[in-house]
Amino acid sequence: MTQPEIHQFPCLKDNYGVLVHDREGGVTLAIDAPDGAAVLAALDERGWDLTHILVTHHHADHIAGIPAVRAKTSCKVIGPKGEAARVPGLDQLVGEPDVLSLGSLKIAVLDTPGHTLGHVTYWIEQASVAFVGDTLFAMGCGRVLEGTPQMMWGSLSKIAALPRETSIYCGHEYTVSNAKFGLQIEPDNARLAARLAAAEAARAEGRATLPTRIDLELETNVFLRVDQPSIRKTTGLVTAEDWKVFADLRERKNRA
């Protein structure tokens, strides 16, 4: 089985759009549609015909482009059943433990609530890739806007438990600011400092810092490292449950 081609492109202020092209199966997927013109331009550049949009959550900067894209491509729109009332025009509702069979791809749907209540992640195990929307970022995580910190911690833990070599595509380019915050919490993490330097160099050259990988995040993302004694000492929550340490870190980042 051939691996799908994945094309990531910037759009809006700091969003990323992603196309997944399965030549063998004859399908092309868009992960969200932040900006219709950008998605259509990326399709045209690649010469791909869009068949599906996979929606991670209902926020406008992830779905605003759907009407324009659908009008040009007649694609099918698949999205979280928990947000059906907030994502107009969904053709198929999904949630865990659904597995989509699209072309030659098997795509597992993971419920990852917290940023929004119905947020989902799409995991293609055969390609070692997951599309996590705004739940996990490179060295960061999404704001807890609709769920609870405990809920968000559960979602992050679920993603972190994927195979370590899994590539992670996120919704936004927040890497530099996330890394700077992380170094405030874990200043002796040399791997984190090196990633910040690499991210700053990439952005100075106009290059993306994504995708990231599970193994890199486990080494450098303070939101996934709440079991580390140094982080617990920094937060003053030495014996607290993991989700409470996470909640403290998320609140600190909110104020940063």
Protein backbone atom coordinates (compact mmCIF):
# COMPACT_ATOMS: atom_id res chain seq x y z
CA MET A 1 0.00 0.00 0.00
CA THR A 2 1.33 3.41 -0.96
CA GLN A 3 1.40 6.14 1.68
CA PRO A 4 -0.80 9.21 1.18
CA GLU A 5 0.76 12.51 0.16
CA ILE A 6 0.25 15.26 2.73
CA HIS A 7 0.39 18.95 1.82
CA GLN A 8 0.31 21.58 4.56
CA PHE A 9 -0.19 25.26 3.73
CA PRO A 10 -0.56 28.47 5.76
CA CYS A 11 -3.76 30.50 5.70
CA LEU A 12 -5.54 33.26 7.62
CA LYS A 13 -3.35 34.82 10.33
CA ASP A 14 -1.64 31.75 11.76
CA ASN A 15 -3.75 28.75 10.70
CA TYR A 16 -2.67 25.76 8.66
CA GLY A 17 -4.74 23.88 6.14
CA VAL A 18 -3.85 20.30 5.23
CA LEU A 19 -4.64 18.13 2.21
CA VAL A 20 -4.27 14.36 2.26
CA HIS A 21 -4.10 12.71 -1.17
CA ASP A 22 -4.60 8.98 -1.48
CA ARG A 23 -3.69 8.29 -5.08
CA GLU A 24 -4.25 4.56 -4.71
CA GLY A 25 -7.76 5.01 -3.33
CA GLY A 26 -8.74 7.99 -5.45
CA VAL A 27 -9.61 10.33 -2.60
CA THR A 28 -8.33 13.70 -1.42
CA LEU A 29 -9.19 14.99 2.04
CA ALA A 30 -9.01 18.48 3.49
CA ILE A 31 -8.53 18.66 7.24
CA ASP A 32 -10.84 21.55 8.14
CA ALA A 33 -11.33 24.46 5.72
CA PRO A 34 -10.06 27.62 7.42
CA ASP A 35 -10.13 29.69 4.23
CA GLY A 36 -11.94 28.59 1.10
CA ALA A 37 -9.70 30.43 -1.36
CA ALA A 38 -6.56 29.00 0.23
CA VAL A 39 -7.89 25.44 0.15
CA LEU A 40 -8.95 25.75 -3.48
CA ALA A 41 -5.60 27.29 -4.44
CA ALA A 42 -3.74 24.42 -2.74
CA LEU A 43 -5.88 21.88 -4.60
CA ASP A 44 -5.24 23.65 -7.90
CA GLU A 45 -1.50 23.83 -7.23
CA ARG A 46 -1.38 20.09 -6.63
CA GLY A 47 -3.84 19.12 -9.32
CA TRP A 48 -5.94 17.18 -6.83
CA ASP A 49 -9.73 16.77 -6.80
CA LEU A 50 -11.20 17.14 -3.33
CA THR A 51 -13.56 14.40 -2.19
CA HIS A 52 -13.97 15.02 1.55
CA ILE A 53 -13.51 17.62 4.29
CA LEU A 54 -12.84 16.24 7.77
CA VAL A 55 -13.86 18.78 10.41
CA THR A 56 -12.14 18.76 13.83
CA HIS A 57 -14.34 21.35 15.59
CA HIS A 58 -16.78 24.17 15.02
CA HIS A 59 -14.66 27.32 15.39
CA ALA A 60 -14.97 29.70 12.46
CA ASP A 61 -11.26 29.66 11.65
CA HIS A 62 -11.64 25.94 10.91
CA ILE A 63 -14.96 25.82 9.03
CA ALA A 64 -15.49 29.23 7.40
CA GLY A 65 -14.16 27.99 4.07
CA ILE A 66 -16.50 25.01 3.77
CA PRO A 67 -19.27 26.68 1.71
CA ALA A 68 -16.85 28.02 -0.91
CA VAL A 69 -14.96 24.75 -1.17
CA ARG A 70 -18.11 22.69 -1.35
CA ALA A 71 -19.55 24.89 -4.09
CA LYS A 72 -16.49 24.29 -6.26
CA THR A 73 -15.85 20.62 -5.49
CA SER A 74 -19.14 18.98 -4.38
CA CYS A 75 -17.12 17.24 -1.67
CA LYS A 76 -18.62 15.37 1.27
CA VAL A 77 -18.26 17.02 4.69
CA ILE A 78 -17.63 14.81 7.72
CA GLY A 79 -17.51 16.17 11.26
CA PRO A 80 -18.07 15.60 14.95
CA LYS A 81 -21.52 14.47 15.97
CA GLY A 82 -21.13 16.44 19.18
CA GLU A 83 -21.01 19.68 17.18
CA ALA A 84 -23.55 18.94 14.43
CA ALA A 85 -25.66 21.92 15.45
CA ARG A 86 -22.66 24.24 15.13
CA VAL A 87 -21.16 23.02 11.85
CA PRO A 88 -23.67 23.68 9.04
CA GLY A 89 -24.08 21.12 6.30
CA LEU A 90 -22.38 18.03 7.68
CA ASP A 91 -23.06 15.00 5.50
CA GLN A 92 -21.77 12.45 7.99
CA LEU A 93 -21.48 12.63 11.79
CA VAL A 94 -18.64 10.81 13.51
CA GLY A 95 -17.21 10.19 16.95
CA GLU A 96 -15.13 7.62 18.79
CA PRO A 97 -14.88 4.66 18.11
CA ASP A 98 -15.82 5.24 14.47
CA VAL A 99 -13.34 4.26 11.77
CA LEU A 100 -13.75 5.86 8.36
CA SER A 101 -12.86 3.89 5.24
CA LEU A 102 -11.98 6.48 2.60
CA GLY A 103 -10.14 5.19 -0.45
CA SER A 104 -7.41 2.93 0.87
CA LEU A 105 -7.27 4.82 4.19
CA LYS A 106 -8.61 3.69 7.55
CA ILE A 107 -9.12 6.78 9.70
CA ALA A 108 -9.87 6.35 13.39
CA VAL A 109 -11.94 9.08 15.03
CA LEU A 110 -10.85 9.98 18.57
CA ASP A 111 -12.99 12.13 20.86
CA THR A 112 -10.70 14.88 22.16
CA PRO A 113 -12.94 17.39 23.97
CA GLY A 114 -11.78 20.34 26.03
CA HIS A 115 -11.00 23.13 23.59
CA THR A 116 -14.56 22.56 22.42
CA LEU A 117 -16.99 19.97 23.76
CA GLY A 118 -17.24 17.95 20.55
CA HIS A 119 -13.67 18.26 19.23
CA VAL A 120 -12.34 15.18 17.42
CA THR A 121 -8.94 14.00 16.20
CA TYR A 122 -8.39 11.93 13.05
CA TRP A 123 -5.70 9.23 13.27
CA ILE A 124 -4.42 7.33 10.23
CA GLU A 125 -2.37 4.59 11.86
CA GLN A 126 -1.11 3.11 8.58
CA ALA A 127 0.46 6.47 7.71
CA SER A 128 1.62 7.25 11.28
CA VAL A 129 -0.17 10.59 11.26
CA ALA A 130 -2.83 12.33 13.35
CA PHE A 131 -4.70 15.56 12.75
CA VAL A 132 -5.40 17.06 16.16
CA GLY A 133 -6.98 20.43 15.36
CA ASP A 134 -6.60 22.76 18.33
CA THR A 135 -6.17 20.16 21.08
CA LEU A 136 -2.39 19.72 20.96
CA PHE A 137 0.15 22.15 19.52
CA ALA A 138 3.91 21.92 19.14
CA MET A 139 5.11 22.40 22.73
CA GLY A 140 1.65 23.64 23.70
CA CYS A 141 -2.05 22.89 23.79
CA GLY A 142 -5.32 24.63 23.04
CA ARG A 143 -7.18 26.82 25.47
CA VAL A 144 -9.87 25.10 27.47
CA LEU A 145 -12.80 27.10 26.14
CA GLU A 146 -15.82 24.82 26.52
CA GLY A 147 -14.72 21.78 28.51
CA THR A 148 -12.89 21.41 31.80
CA PRO A 149 -9.16 21.08 32.52
CA GLN A 150 -9.73 17.48 33.54
CA MET A 151 -11.47 16.80 30.23
CA MET A 152 -8.66 18.46 28.27
CA TRP A 153 -6.02 16.51 30.17
CA GLY A 154 -7.80 13.30 29.22
CA SER A 155 -7.75 14.32 25.56
CA LEU A 156 -4.07 15.25 25.64
CA SER A 157 -3.25 11.98 27.36
CA LYS A 158 -5.11 10.08 24.63
CA ILE A 159 -3.08 11.77 21.90
CA ALA A 160 0.17 11.35 23.83
CA ALA A 161 -0.50 7.60 24.01
CA LEU A 162 -0.37 7.25 20.21
CA PRO A 163 2.78 5.58 18.81
CA ARG A 164 5.82 7.76 19.44
CA GLU A 165 6.66 8.07 15.74
CA THR A 166 3.23 9.53 14.92
CA SER A 167 3.42 12.84 13.05
CA ILE A 168 1.07 15.46 14.47
CA TYR A 169 -0.56 18.14 12.33
CA CYS A 170 -2.00 21.02 14.37
CA GLY A 171 -4.27 23.89 13.48
CA HIS A 172 -1.97 26.82 14.24
CA GLU A 173 1.60 28.13 14.15
CA TYR A 174 2.12 28.85 17.85
CA THR A 175 5.41 27.01 18.32
CA VAL A 176 7.75 29.85 19.26
CA SER A 177 5.47 31.36 21.91
CA ASN A 178 4.73 27.91 23.31
CA ALA A 179 8.41 27.07 23.59
CA LYS A 180 9.19 30.36 25.32
CA PHE A 181 6.50 29.65 27.89
CA GLY A 182 7.77 26.10 28.34
CA LEU A 183 11.27 27.33 29.15
CA GLN A 184 9.83 29.48 31.92
CA ILE A 185 8.43 26.32 33.47
CA GLU A 186 11.27 23.94 32.66
CA PRO A 187 14.40 26.12 32.13
CA ASP A 188 16.84 23.21 32.33
CA ASN A 189 15.25 21.25 29.48
CA ALA A 190 18.02 21.42 26.88
CA ARG A 191 15.92 19.67 24.24
CA LEU A 192 13.21 22.30 24.66
CA ALA A 193 15.74 25.12 24.30
CA ALA A 194 17.10 23.54 21.13
CA ARG A 195 13.61 23.25 19.68
CA LEU A 196 12.95 26.92 20.43
CA ALA A 197 16.12 27.91 18.58
CA ALA A 198 15.17 25.73 15.63
CA ALA A 199 11.64 27.12 15.58
CA GLU A 200 12.84 30.72 15.66
CA ALA A 201 15.22 30.01 12.78
CA ALA A 202 12.46 28.35 10.78
CA ARG A 203 10.05 31.22 11.27
CA ALA A 204 12.74 33.79 10.39
CA GLU A 205 13.04 31.99 7.04
CA GLY A 206 9.28 31.74 6.59
CA ARG A 207 9.19 27.99 7.15
CA ALA A 208 6.59 26.07 9.13
CA THR A 209 7.49 24.43 12.43
CA LEU A 210 4.87 21.73 11.90
CA PRO A 211 4.21 18.85 11.81
CA THR A 212 5.60 17.75 15.13
CA ARG A 213 5.86 14.20 16.52
CA ILE A 214 4.66 12.46 19.65
CA ASP A 215 8.20 11.62 20.78
CA LEU A 216 9.29 15.26 20.48
CA GLU A 217 6.27 16.45 22.42
CA LEU A 218 6.87 13.98 25.24
CA GLU A 219 10.39 15.40 25.56
CA THR A 220 9.58 19.10 25.29
CA ASN A 221 5.89 19.90 25.83
CA VAL A 222 5.43 20.91 29.45
CA PHE A 223 1.69 20.27 29.23
CA LEU A 224 2.46 16.58 28.66
CA ARG A 225 5.22 16.47 31.27
CA VAL A 226 3.20 17.12 34.41
CA ASP A 227 4.73 14.05 36.06
CA GLN A 228 8.20 15.66 36.07
CA PRO A 229 9.38 16.58 39.61
CA SER A 230 10.86 19.90 38.45
CA ILE A 231 7.55 20.99 36.90
CA ARG A 232 5.61 19.94 39.97
CA LYS A 233 8.03 21.89 42.13
CA THR A 234 7.61 24.98 39.94
CA THR A 235 3.83 24.82 40.23
CA GLY A 236 3.90 23.97 43.93
CA LEU A 237 1.71 20.95 43.24
CA VAL A 238 4.18 18.24 44.20
CA THR A 239 1.63 15.57 45.10
CA ALA A 240 -1.40 16.72 43.10
CA GLU A 241 -3.22 14.70 40.48
CA ASP A 242 -1.81 15.11 36.97
CA TRP A 243 -4.81 17.02 35.66
CA LYS A 244 -4.51 19.59 38.45
CA VAL A 245 -0.89 20.27 37.48
CA PHE A 246 -2.04 20.60 33.89
CA ALA A 247 -4.79 23.03 34.93
CA ASP A 248 -2.24 25.19 36.74
CA LEU A 249 0.05 25.28 33.70
CA ARG A 250 -2.82 26.12 31.34
CA GLU A 251 -3.89 29.01 33.56
CA ARG A 252 -0.31 30.30 33.67
CA LYS A 253 -0.17 30.18 29.86
CA ASN A 254 -3.49 32.03 29.66
CA ARG A 255 -1.93 34.87 31.62
CA ALA A 256 1.42 34.83 29.81
